[in-house]
Amino acid sequence: MRVKLAHIGAAMALALAAAAPAKAAGPADEAVLAEMNYARAYPQAYAMRLVLQPVSPWEQSLGPAHAAEDPQAFAEAVDFLLRQAPLPPLKADERLAASALEHVADQGVRGAIGHEGPTGEAFDSRIRRHGVAEPYAAENIAYGPAQAADVVRELIIDSGVPSRGHRRNIFYPPLDAAGVACGPHRQYANMCVMDFAGGSEPARPARLQLAAASPEAPPAAPATERSASGGFLSRLLDLF
């Protein structure tokens, strides 16, 4: 089996309302949310971080086939970030975290992939069952990476996904809340589900122009946990 990149599924649809169990975020969940919020708040700094490390140690472990498959993805991600206006942080939402945790608990033990539940329930129906009434909802899923920095990096680069839907979900202005759940996966060692929701679409912010120097350096990127990694999915599937 030719090893490439972790499977990362992205989808977007409308979400309505229902009942909401709560879920306390763990360190890995909080680290992924913090990493996404750093990229949203300081997209130019995140772009420079990519430029300084074109290939991460995790990507090196996937072999040369990973980089060769979608050579434009990295440069396109850097260009996107350099032009992206800063966005407010995603608010942690217990309803979305409970929805994400349900999906991790279901798929992890079965070794399943994708956005649908075992009975074919769509991700937006699952989110609705957990009480989300906002009109916009989205879901990203990563299978394979163990560290928050690798999870978010791969979603933003979005190699092999023509729509770049995972990147778009992270930076889509109407999505202003998120819930994250990470856990073990029977086949790919690790998985991480990120559910998003938000209200009406605001006016588009003006795109930033690069300046010769930044008057204020951004804070350091959030620290990420380290844990053992396992096998990685051998294909990408764009479900956006």
Protein backbone atom coordinates (compact mmCIF):
# COMPACT_ATOMS: atom_id res chain seq x y z
CA MET A 1 0.00 0.00 0.00
CA ARG A 2 1.49 3.31 -1.05
CA VAL A 3 1.49 5.63 1.93
CA LYS A 4 0.60 9.26 1.36
CA LEU A 5 -1.25 11.68 3.53
CA ALA A 6 -3.75 11.18 6.32
CA HIS A 7 -7.32 11.08 5.10
CA ILE A 8 -8.97 14.38 5.91
CA GLY A 9 -12.64 14.72 5.15
CA ALA A 10 -14.41 18.07 4.91
CA ALA A 11 -18.09 18.82 4.44
CA MET A 12 -20.42 21.78 4.79
CA ALA A 13 -24.22 22.06 5.11
CA LEU A 14 -27.05 23.76 7.02
CA ALA A 15 -27.67 22.76 10.66
CA LEU A 16 -30.81 23.21 12.79
CA ALA A 17 -31.65 22.34 16.49
CA ALA A 18 -31.96 19.51 19.13
CA ALA A 19 -30.60 18.48 22.59
CA ALA A 20 -26.99 18.89 23.73
CA PRO A 21 -24.86 16.73 26.04
CA ALA A 22 -21.67 18.40 27.30
CA LYS A 23 -18.11 17.17 26.85
CA ALA A 24 -14.99 18.43 28.60
CA ALA A 25 -12.12 19.02 26.18
CA GLY A 26 -8.90 17.09 26.71
CA PRO A 27 -5.37 18.39 26.14
CA ALA A 28 -5.21 17.14 22.53
CA ASP A 29 -8.59 18.68 21.69
CA GLU A 30 -7.61 22.02 23.22
CA ALA A 31 -4.28 21.97 21.38
CA VAL A 32 -5.95 21.54 17.98
CA LEU A 33 -8.38 24.38 18.68
CA ALA A 34 -5.52 26.60 19.86
CA GLU A 35 -3.52 25.78 16.72
CA MET A 36 -6.44 26.67 14.43
CA ASN A 37 -6.98 29.92 16.32
CA TYR A 38 -3.32 30.84 16.01
CA ALA A 39 -3.51 30.34 12.23
CA ARG A 40 -6.71 32.41 12.08
CA ALA A 41 -5.33 35.26 14.20
CA TYR A 42 -1.84 35.37 12.62
CA PRO A 43 -2.11 33.94 9.09
CA GLN A 44 1.05 35.73 7.88
CA ALA A 45 3.09 34.38 10.80
CA TYR A 46 1.70 30.92 10.12
CA ALA A 47 2.73 31.28 6.46
CA MET A 48 6.28 32.14 7.53
CA ARG A 49 6.32 29.09 9.76
CA LEU A 50 5.43 26.94 6.74
CA VAL A 51 8.13 28.63 4.64
CA LEU A 52 10.72 27.92 7.33
CA GLN A 53 9.70 24.26 7.43
CA PRO A 54 8.55 23.21 3.94
CA VAL A 55 8.44 19.56 5.00
CA SER A 56 7.59 18.57 8.56
CA PRO A 57 9.04 15.46 10.24
CA TRP A 58 5.61 13.84 10.03
CA GLU A 59 5.42 14.53 6.29
CA GLN A 60 8.91 13.09 5.88
CA SER A 61 7.63 9.87 7.44
CA LEU A 62 5.04 9.63 4.65
CA GLY A 63 7.74 9.39 1.98
CA PRO A 64 8.40 11.31 -1.25
CA ALA A 65 5.11 10.27 -2.87
CA HIS A 66 3.23 12.64 -0.54
CA ALA A 67 5.03 15.77 -1.75
CA ALA A 68 4.98 14.72 -5.39
CA GLU A 69 1.25 14.13 -5.60
CA ASP A 70 0.08 17.74 -5.21
CA PRO A 71 3.16 19.97 -5.57
CA GLN A 72 1.10 23.15 -5.86
CA ALA A 73 -0.70 22.71 -2.54
CA PHE A 74 2.11 24.03 -0.32
CA ALA A 75 2.80 27.16 -2.40
CA GLU A 76 -0.91 27.80 -2.73
CA ALA A 77 -1.40 27.55 1.03
CA VAL A 78 1.43 30.01 1.70
CA ASP A 79 -0.01 32.48 -0.82
CA PHE A 80 -3.47 32.11 0.71
CA LEU A 81 -2.15 32.78 4.21
CA LEU A 82 -0.12 35.81 3.15
CA ARG A 83 -3.27 37.36 1.72
CA GLN A 84 -5.69 36.26 4.43
CA ALA A 85 -7.06 38.85 6.84
CA PRO A 86 -6.89 37.92 10.53
CA LEU A 87 -10.05 36.38 11.95
CA PRO A 88 -11.39 36.24 15.53
CA PRO A 89 -10.74 33.03 17.43
CA LEU A 90 -13.17 30.15 17.17
CA LYS A 91 -15.16 29.90 20.39
CA ALA A 92 -15.09 26.50 22.10
CA ASP A 93 -18.57 24.99 21.96
CA GLU A 94 -19.55 21.99 24.11
CA ARG A 95 -22.35 20.95 21.75
CA LEU A 96 -19.97 20.74 18.81
CA ALA A 97 -17.38 18.98 20.96
CA ALA A 98 -19.99 16.38 21.95
CA SER A 99 -20.87 15.82 18.30
CA ALA A 100 -17.19 15.41 17.41
CA LEU A 101 -16.63 13.03 20.34
CA GLU A 102 -19.56 10.86 19.27
CA HIS A 103 -18.00 10.46 15.84
CA VAL A 104 -14.57 9.63 17.27
CA ALA A 105 -16.07 7.06 19.64
CA ASP A 106 -18.00 5.44 16.79
CA GLN A 107 -15.28 5.38 14.13
CA GLY A 108 -12.25 4.76 16.31
CA VAL A 109 -13.24 1.29 17.46
CA ARG A 110 -14.55 0.25 14.02
CA GLY A 111 -11.70 1.71 12.01
CA ALA A 112 -14.23 3.54 9.83
CA ILE A 113 -13.68 6.75 7.89
CA GLY A 114 -15.86 9.54 6.49
CA HIS A 115 -18.54 11.88 7.81
CA GLU A 116 -21.51 9.51 8.04
CA GLY A 117 -22.46 7.56 11.15
CA PRO A 118 -22.94 3.78 11.19
CA THR A 119 -26.59 4.12 10.11
CA GLY A 120 -25.79 6.59 7.33
CA GLU A 121 -26.61 9.69 9.37
CA ALA A 122 -25.04 12.80 7.80
CA PHE A 123 -22.70 14.96 9.85
CA ASP A 124 -25.13 17.90 9.93
CA SER A 125 -27.89 15.67 11.35
CA ARG A 126 -25.48 14.53 14.07
CA ILE A 127 -24.59 18.14 14.88
CA ARG A 128 -28.30 19.02 14.96
CA ARG A 129 -28.98 16.23 17.48
CA HIS A 130 -26.47 17.92 19.78
CA GLY A 131 -28.42 21.16 19.84
CA VAL A 132 -26.69 23.33 17.25
CA ALA A 133 -29.15 25.80 15.71
CA GLU A 134 -26.74 28.06 13.79
CA PRO A 135 -27.43 28.18 10.03
CA TYR A 136 -23.86 27.27 8.98
CA ALA A 137 -22.02 24.11 9.96
CA ALA A 138 -18.95 22.24 8.74
CA GLU A 139 -16.76 19.30 9.67
CA ASN A 140 -13.09 18.44 9.16
CA ILE A 141 -11.67 15.03 10.01
CA ALA A 142 -8.01 14.01 10.10
CA TYR A 143 -6.85 10.42 10.36
CA GLY A 144 -3.21 9.76 11.17
CA PRO A 145 -1.39 12.76 12.67
CA ALA A 146 -0.83 12.57 16.40
CA GLN A 147 0.21 16.19 17.06
CA ALA A 148 -2.04 19.24 16.82
CA ALA A 149 0.51 21.12 14.70
CA ASP A 150 0.50 18.31 12.12
CA VAL A 151 -3.30 18.03 12.12
CA VAL A 152 -3.80 21.73 11.39
CA ARG A 153 -0.85 21.99 8.99
CA GLU A 154 -2.24 19.20 6.79
CA LEU A 155 -5.73 20.68 6.83
CA ILE A 156 -4.44 24.09 5.76
CA ILE A 157 -2.12 22.78 3.04
CA ASP A 158 -4.94 20.42 1.96
CA SER A 159 -2.78 18.43 -0.45
CA GLY A 160 -4.77 16.27 -2.85
CA VAL A 161 -8.07 18.06 -2.19
CA PRO A 162 -8.89 20.24 -5.23
CA SER A 163 -11.54 22.30 -3.42
CA ARG A 164 -9.19 23.02 -0.46
CA GLY A 165 -12.37 22.58 1.56
CA HIS A 166 -10.62 21.86 4.86
CA ARG A 167 -8.66 25.10 4.64
CA ARG A 168 -11.82 26.95 3.66
CA ASN A 169 -13.66 25.62 6.70
CA ILE A 170 -10.95 26.87 9.09
CA PHE A 171 -10.97 30.36 7.55
CA TYR A 172 -14.66 30.70 6.60
CA PRO A 173 -15.83 33.90 8.38
CA PRO A 174 -19.39 32.77 9.27
CA LEU A 175 -18.00 29.81 11.22
CA ASP A 176 -17.17 31.28 14.62
CA ALA A 177 -17.46 28.29 17.00
CA ALA A 178 -15.86 24.86 17.06
CA GLY A 179 -15.71 21.65 19.01
CA VAL A 180 -12.79 19.25 18.74
CA ALA A 181 -12.40 15.63 19.76
CA CYS A 182 -9.32 13.49 19.17
CA GLY A 183 -8.81 9.85 19.98
CA PRO A 184 -7.40 6.49 18.89
CA HIS A 185 -8.33 4.91 15.56
CA ARG A 186 -8.24 1.17 14.95
CA GLN A 187 -6.53 1.40 11.55
CA TYR A 188 -4.74 4.76 11.49
CA ALA A 189 -3.74 5.08 15.16
CA ASN A 190 -5.16 8.58 15.60
CA MET A 191 -8.12 10.62 14.44
CA CYS A 192 -9.36 14.13 15.13
CA VAL A 193 -12.82 15.53 14.38
CA MET A 194 -13.42 19.29 14.20
CA ASP A 195 -17.06 20.43 14.04
CA PHE A 196 -17.80 24.07 13.24
CA ALA A 197 -20.91 26.28 13.33
CA GLY A 198 -21.81 29.91 12.92
CA GLY A 199 -24.39 32.51 11.97
CA SER A 200 -25.00 34.78 9.02
CA GLU A 201 -22.16 35.73 6.71
CA PRO A 202 -20.54 39.08 7.64
CA ALA A 203 -19.15 41.61 5.23
CA ARG A 204 -15.91 40.37 3.72
CA PRO A 205 -12.82 41.90 5.40
CA ALA A 206 -10.31 43.65 3.18
CA ARG A 207 -7.40 41.42 2.24
CA LEU A 208 -4.11 42.33 3.85
CA GLN A 209 -1.15 43.62 1.91
CA LEU A 210 2.32 42.49 2.93
CA ALA A 211 4.28 45.12 4.80
CA ALA A 212 8.04 45.55 4.83
CA ALA A 213 8.10 45.06 8.59
CA SER A 214 5.57 44.14 11.25
CA PRO A 215 5.23 46.66 14.10
CA GLU A 216 4.32 43.91 16.54
CA ALA A 217 5.49 40.32 16.49
CA PRO A 218 2.77 37.72 17.04
CA PRO A 219 2.94 35.55 20.14
CA ALA A 220 4.55 32.16 19.91
CA ALA A 221 2.44 29.42 18.39
CA PRO A 222 0.71 27.20 20.96
CA ALA A 223 2.68 24.26 22.27
CA THR A 224 1.49 20.90 21.02
CA GLU A 225 1.50 17.52 22.66
CA ARG A 226 3.67 14.63 21.48
CA SER A 227 2.43 11.06 21.28
CA ALA A 228 3.14 7.88 19.38
CA SER A 229 1.89 7.70 15.80
CA GLY A 230 0.87 4.68 13.77
CA GLY A 231 -0.17 3.84 10.24
CA PHE A 232 -1.59 6.44 7.87
CA LEU A 233 -4.40 6.26 5.35
CA SER A 234 -3.20 5.65 1.83
CA ARG A 235 -5.55 7.99 -0.02
CA LEU A 236 -7.30 11.32 0.21
CA LEU A 237 -11.03 11.71 -0.21
CA ASP A 238 -12.56 15.12 -0.77
CA LEU A 239 -16.00 15.14 0.79
CA PHE A 240 -16.52 18.89 0.74
